[in-house]
Amino acid sequence: MQIQVLGSGCPTCKKLFELTKQAVEELGLKTEVEYITDIQKIVEMGVMSSPVLAINGKPAISGFLPDVEKIKETIKKFI
């Protein structure tokens, strides 16, 4: 499973990265969370608002900062 957080590097994007790492740890997954600040990659995904949580190369959450429980629910859909 590939999990990425894409954003501009703003505090909200960094917080999503931290919460996503926490969610992965709480779920007991052996997956690294990648943090990407390349705006071109966000555009390539077809998403117009950040931050973006992408799982297996597909945007799963975008444009807002969910809590850790919402992130865990979203990741579970891809397991």
N, C-alpha and C. Protein backbone atom coordinates (compact mmCIF):
# COMPACT_ATOMS: atom_id res chain seq x y z
N MET A 1 0.85 -1.18 0.00
CA MET A 1 0.00 0.00 0.00
C MET A 1 0.89 1.24 0.00
N GLN A 2 0.55 2.18 -0.85
CA GLN A 2 1.29 3.44 -0.94
C GLN A 2 0.41 4.55 -0.37
N ILE A 3 0.95 5.26 0.62
CA ILE A 3 0.21 6.37 1.24
C ILE A 3 1.05 7.63 1.09
N GLN A 4 0.43 8.67 0.52
CA GLN A 4 1.12 9.94 0.30
C GLN A 4 0.28 11.09 0.83
N VAL A 5 0.96 12.09 1.36
CA VAL A 5 0.33 13.37 1.68
C VAL A 5 0.96 14.37 0.74
N LEU A 6 0.11 15.08 0.00
CA LEU A 6 0.59 16.09 -0.94
C LEU A 6 0.12 17.46 -0.47
N GLY A 7 1.03 18.42 -0.47
CA GLY A 7 0.66 19.76 -0.07
C GLY A 7 1.78 20.74 -0.33
N SER A 8 1.49 21.98 -0.05
CA SER A 8 2.45 23.05 -0.34
C SER A 8 3.52 23.20 0.72
N GLY A 9 3.35 22.52 1.85
CA GLY A 9 4.30 22.68 2.95
C GLY A 9 3.74 23.58 4.03
N CYS A 10 2.48 23.95 3.91
CA CYS A 10 1.84 24.83 4.90
C CYS A 10 1.58 24.04 6.19
N PRO A 11 1.27 24.73 7.30
CA PRO A 11 1.01 24.04 8.57
C PRO A 11 -0.11 23.00 8.48
N THR A 12 -1.15 23.27 7.71
CA THR A 12 -2.26 22.31 7.58
C THR A 12 -1.78 21.04 6.88
N CYS A 13 -0.98 21.19 5.86
CA CYS A 13 -0.44 20.03 5.13
C CYS A 13 0.47 19.21 6.03
N LYS A 14 1.32 19.89 6.79
CA LYS A 14 2.22 19.20 7.71
C LYS A 14 1.44 18.46 8.78
N LYS A 15 0.36 19.06 9.26
CA LYS A 15 -0.48 18.41 10.27
C LYS A 15 -1.13 17.15 9.69
N LEU A 16 -1.61 17.20 8.45
CA LEU A 16 -2.18 16.01 7.82
C LEU A 16 -1.13 14.91 7.73
N PHE A 17 0.10 15.26 7.40
CA PHE A 17 1.18 14.29 7.34
C PHE A 17 1.39 13.62 8.70
N GLU A 18 1.44 14.43 9.75
CA GLU A 18 1.64 13.89 11.10
C GLU A 18 0.48 13.00 11.52
N LEU A 19 -0.75 13.45 11.25
CA LEU A 19 -1.93 12.65 11.61
C LEU A 19 -1.98 11.35 10.82
N THR A 20 -1.57 11.40 9.57
CA THR A 20 -1.57 10.19 8.74
C THR A 20 -0.55 9.19 9.25
N LYS A 21 0.64 9.67 9.63
CA LYS A 21 1.64 8.77 10.21
C LYS A 21 1.10 8.13 11.50
N GLN A 22 0.41 8.93 12.31
CA GLN A 22 -0.20 8.42 13.55
C GLN A 22 -1.24 7.34 13.23
N ALA A 23 -2.08 7.60 12.24
CA ALA A 23 -3.12 6.65 11.85
C ALA A 23 -2.51 5.33 11.38
N VAL A 24 -1.47 5.41 10.56
CA VAL A 24 -0.80 4.20 10.05
C VAL A 24 -0.23 3.40 11.21
N GLU A 25 0.38 4.11 12.16
CA GLU A 25 0.95 3.44 13.33
C GLU A 25 -0.14 2.78 14.17
N GLU A 26 -1.25 3.49 14.41
CA GLU A 26 -2.34 2.95 15.22
C GLU A 26 -3.00 1.74 14.55
N LEU A 27 -2.99 1.72 13.22
CA LEU A 27 -3.56 0.58 12.49
C LEU A 27 -2.58 -0.59 12.40
N GLY A 28 -1.34 -0.36 12.82
CA GLY A 28 -0.34 -1.41 12.80
C GLY A 28 0.16 -1.76 11.41
N LEU A 29 0.11 -0.80 10.50
CA LEU A 29 0.55 -1.05 9.12
C LEU A 29 2.06 -0.84 8.99
N LYS A 30 2.67 -1.62 8.13
CA LYS A 30 4.11 -1.50 7.87
C LYS A 30 4.32 -0.67 6.61
N THR A 31 3.70 0.48 6.56
CA THR A 31 3.73 1.32 5.37
C THR A 31 4.34 2.67 5.72
N GLU A 32 5.22 3.15 4.87
CA GLU A 32 5.78 4.49 5.03
C GLU A 32 4.79 5.51 4.45
N VAL A 33 4.70 6.65 5.10
CA VAL A 33 3.89 7.75 4.58
C VAL A 33 4.85 8.74 3.92
N GLU A 34 4.59 9.02 2.66
CA GLU A 34 5.44 9.92 1.88
C GLU A 34 4.82 11.32 1.87
N TYR A 35 5.65 12.34 2.06
CA TYR A 35 5.18 13.73 2.04
C TYR A 35 5.73 14.40 0.79
N ILE A 36 4.84 14.84 -0.07
CA ILE A 36 5.23 15.43 -1.36
C ILE A 36 4.78 16.89 -1.41
N THR A 37 5.71 17.78 -1.71
CA THR A 37 5.38 19.20 -1.80
C THR A 37 5.42 19.71 -3.23
N ASP A 38 5.59 18.82 -4.19
CA ASP A 38 5.64 19.20 -5.60
C ASP A 38 4.21 19.48 -6.10
N ILE A 39 3.91 20.73 -6.32
CA ILE A 39 2.57 21.14 -6.75
C ILE A 39 2.19 20.47 -8.07
N GLN A 40 3.17 20.23 -8.93
CA GLN A 40 2.90 19.56 -10.21
C GLN A 40 2.28 18.18 -10.00
N LYS A 41 2.72 17.47 -8.97
CA LYS A 41 2.17 16.13 -8.69
C LYS A 41 0.71 16.24 -8.27
N ILE A 42 0.38 17.29 -7.50
CA ILE A 42 -1.01 17.50 -7.07
C ILE A 42 -1.87 17.75 -8.31
N VAL A 43 -1.38 18.60 -9.20
CA VAL A 43 -2.11 18.93 -10.43
C VAL A 43 -2.29 17.67 -11.28
N GLU A 44 -1.24 16.85 -11.38
CA GLU A 44 -1.31 15.61 -12.16
C GLU A 44 -2.40 14.67 -11.64
N MET A 45 -2.65 14.71 -10.33
CA MET A 45 -3.70 13.87 -9.74
C MET A 45 -5.09 14.42 -10.04
N GLY A 46 -5.14 15.64 -10.54
CA GLY A 46 -6.43 16.22 -10.87
C GLY A 46 -7.14 16.85 -9.69
N VAL A 47 -6.38 17.13 -8.65
CA VAL A 47 -6.95 17.73 -7.44
C VAL A 47 -6.59 19.21 -7.42
N MET A 48 -7.57 20.05 -7.11
CA MET A 48 -7.32 21.48 -7.14
C MET A 48 -7.14 22.11 -5.76
N SER A 49 -7.32 21.34 -4.70
CA SER A 49 -7.15 21.91 -3.37
C SER A 49 -6.31 20.98 -2.51
N SER A 50 -5.51 21.58 -1.66
CA SER A 50 -4.65 20.80 -0.79
C SER A 50 -5.07 21.05 0.66
N PRO A 51 -4.69 20.22 1.57
CA PRO A 51 -3.83 19.05 1.43
C PRO A 51 -4.58 17.87 0.81
N VAL A 52 -3.80 16.90 0.34
CA VAL A 52 -4.36 15.70 -0.29
C VAL A 52 -3.79 14.47 0.40
N LEU A 53 -4.66 13.55 0.77
CA LEU A 53 -4.23 12.24 1.21
C LEU A 53 -4.49 11.30 0.05
N ALA A 54 -3.42 10.73 -0.50
CA ALA A 54 -3.55 9.81 -1.63
C ALA A 54 -3.17 8.40 -1.18
N ILE A 55 -3.97 7.45 -1.60
CA ILE A 55 -3.70 6.05 -1.28
C ILE A 55 -3.64 5.29 -2.60
N ASN A 56 -2.53 4.58 -2.78
CA ASN A 56 -2.28 3.83 -4.02
C ASN A 56 -2.42 4.72 -5.26
N GLY A 57 -1.94 5.96 -5.14
CA GLY A 57 -1.93 6.87 -6.28
C GLY A 57 -3.24 7.57 -6.59
N LYS A 58 -4.25 7.36 -5.74
CA LYS A 58 -5.57 7.97 -5.96
C LYS A 58 -5.91 8.90 -4.80
N PRO A 59 -6.42 10.10 -5.09
CA PRO A 59 -6.82 11.00 -4.01
C PRO A 59 -7.95 10.38 -3.19
N ALA A 60 -7.77 10.33 -1.87
CA ALA A 60 -8.79 9.77 -0.98
C ALA A 60 -9.47 10.87 -0.17
N ILE A 61 -8.69 11.87 0.23
CA ILE A 61 -9.21 13.03 0.96
C ILE A 61 -8.50 14.25 0.40
N SER A 62 -9.23 15.33 0.15
CA SER A 62 -8.56 16.54 -0.31
C SER A 62 -9.32 17.78 0.14
N GLY A 63 -8.54 18.84 0.38
CA GLY A 63 -9.11 20.14 0.65
C GLY A 63 -9.47 20.45 2.09
N PHE A 64 -9.28 19.47 3.00
CA PHE A 64 -9.55 19.77 4.41
C PHE A 64 -8.69 18.88 5.30
N LEU A 65 -8.67 19.20 6.59
CA LEU A 65 -7.86 18.45 7.55
C LEU A 65 -8.79 17.59 8.40
N PRO A 66 -8.85 16.29 8.12
CA PRO A 66 -9.70 15.40 8.90
C PRO A 66 -9.01 15.02 10.22
N ASP A 67 -9.79 14.46 11.15
CA ASP A 67 -9.17 13.97 12.37
C ASP A 67 -8.58 12.59 12.11
N VAL A 68 -7.83 12.08 13.08
CA VAL A 68 -7.11 10.83 12.90
C VAL A 68 -8.08 9.65 12.68
N GLU A 69 -9.25 9.68 13.29
CA GLU A 69 -10.22 8.60 13.11
C GLU A 69 -10.72 8.55 11.67
N LYS A 70 -10.98 9.70 11.08
CA LYS A 70 -11.42 9.77 9.68
C LYS A 70 -10.32 9.25 8.75
N ILE A 71 -9.09 9.57 9.06
CA ILE A 71 -7.96 9.09 8.25
C ILE A 71 -7.88 7.57 8.34
N LYS A 72 -8.03 7.03 9.55
CA LYS A 72 -7.99 5.58 9.72
C LYS A 72 -9.12 4.90 8.96
N GLU A 73 -10.32 5.46 9.03
CA GLU A 73 -11.46 4.91 8.28
C GLU A 73 -11.17 4.88 6.79
N THR A 74 -10.58 5.96 6.29
CA THR A 74 -10.27 6.06 4.87
C THR A 74 -9.23 5.02 4.46
N ILE A 75 -8.18 4.88 5.27
CA ILE A 75 -7.12 3.90 4.95
C ILE A 75 -7.70 2.49 4.96
N LYS A 76 -8.56 2.18 5.91
CA LYS A 76 -9.15 0.83 6.02
C LYS A 76 -9.90 0.44 4.76
N LYS A 77 -10.46 1.39 4.06
CA LYS A 77 -11.20 1.09 2.81
C LYS A 77 -10.27 0.52 1.74
N PHE A 78 -8.97 0.77 1.87
CA PHE A 78 -8.00 0.34 0.86
C PHE A 78 -7.22 -0.90 1.28
N ILE A 79 -7.49 -1.39 2.48
CA ILE A 79 -6.75 -2.57 2.97
C ILE A 79 -7.38 -3.84 2.39
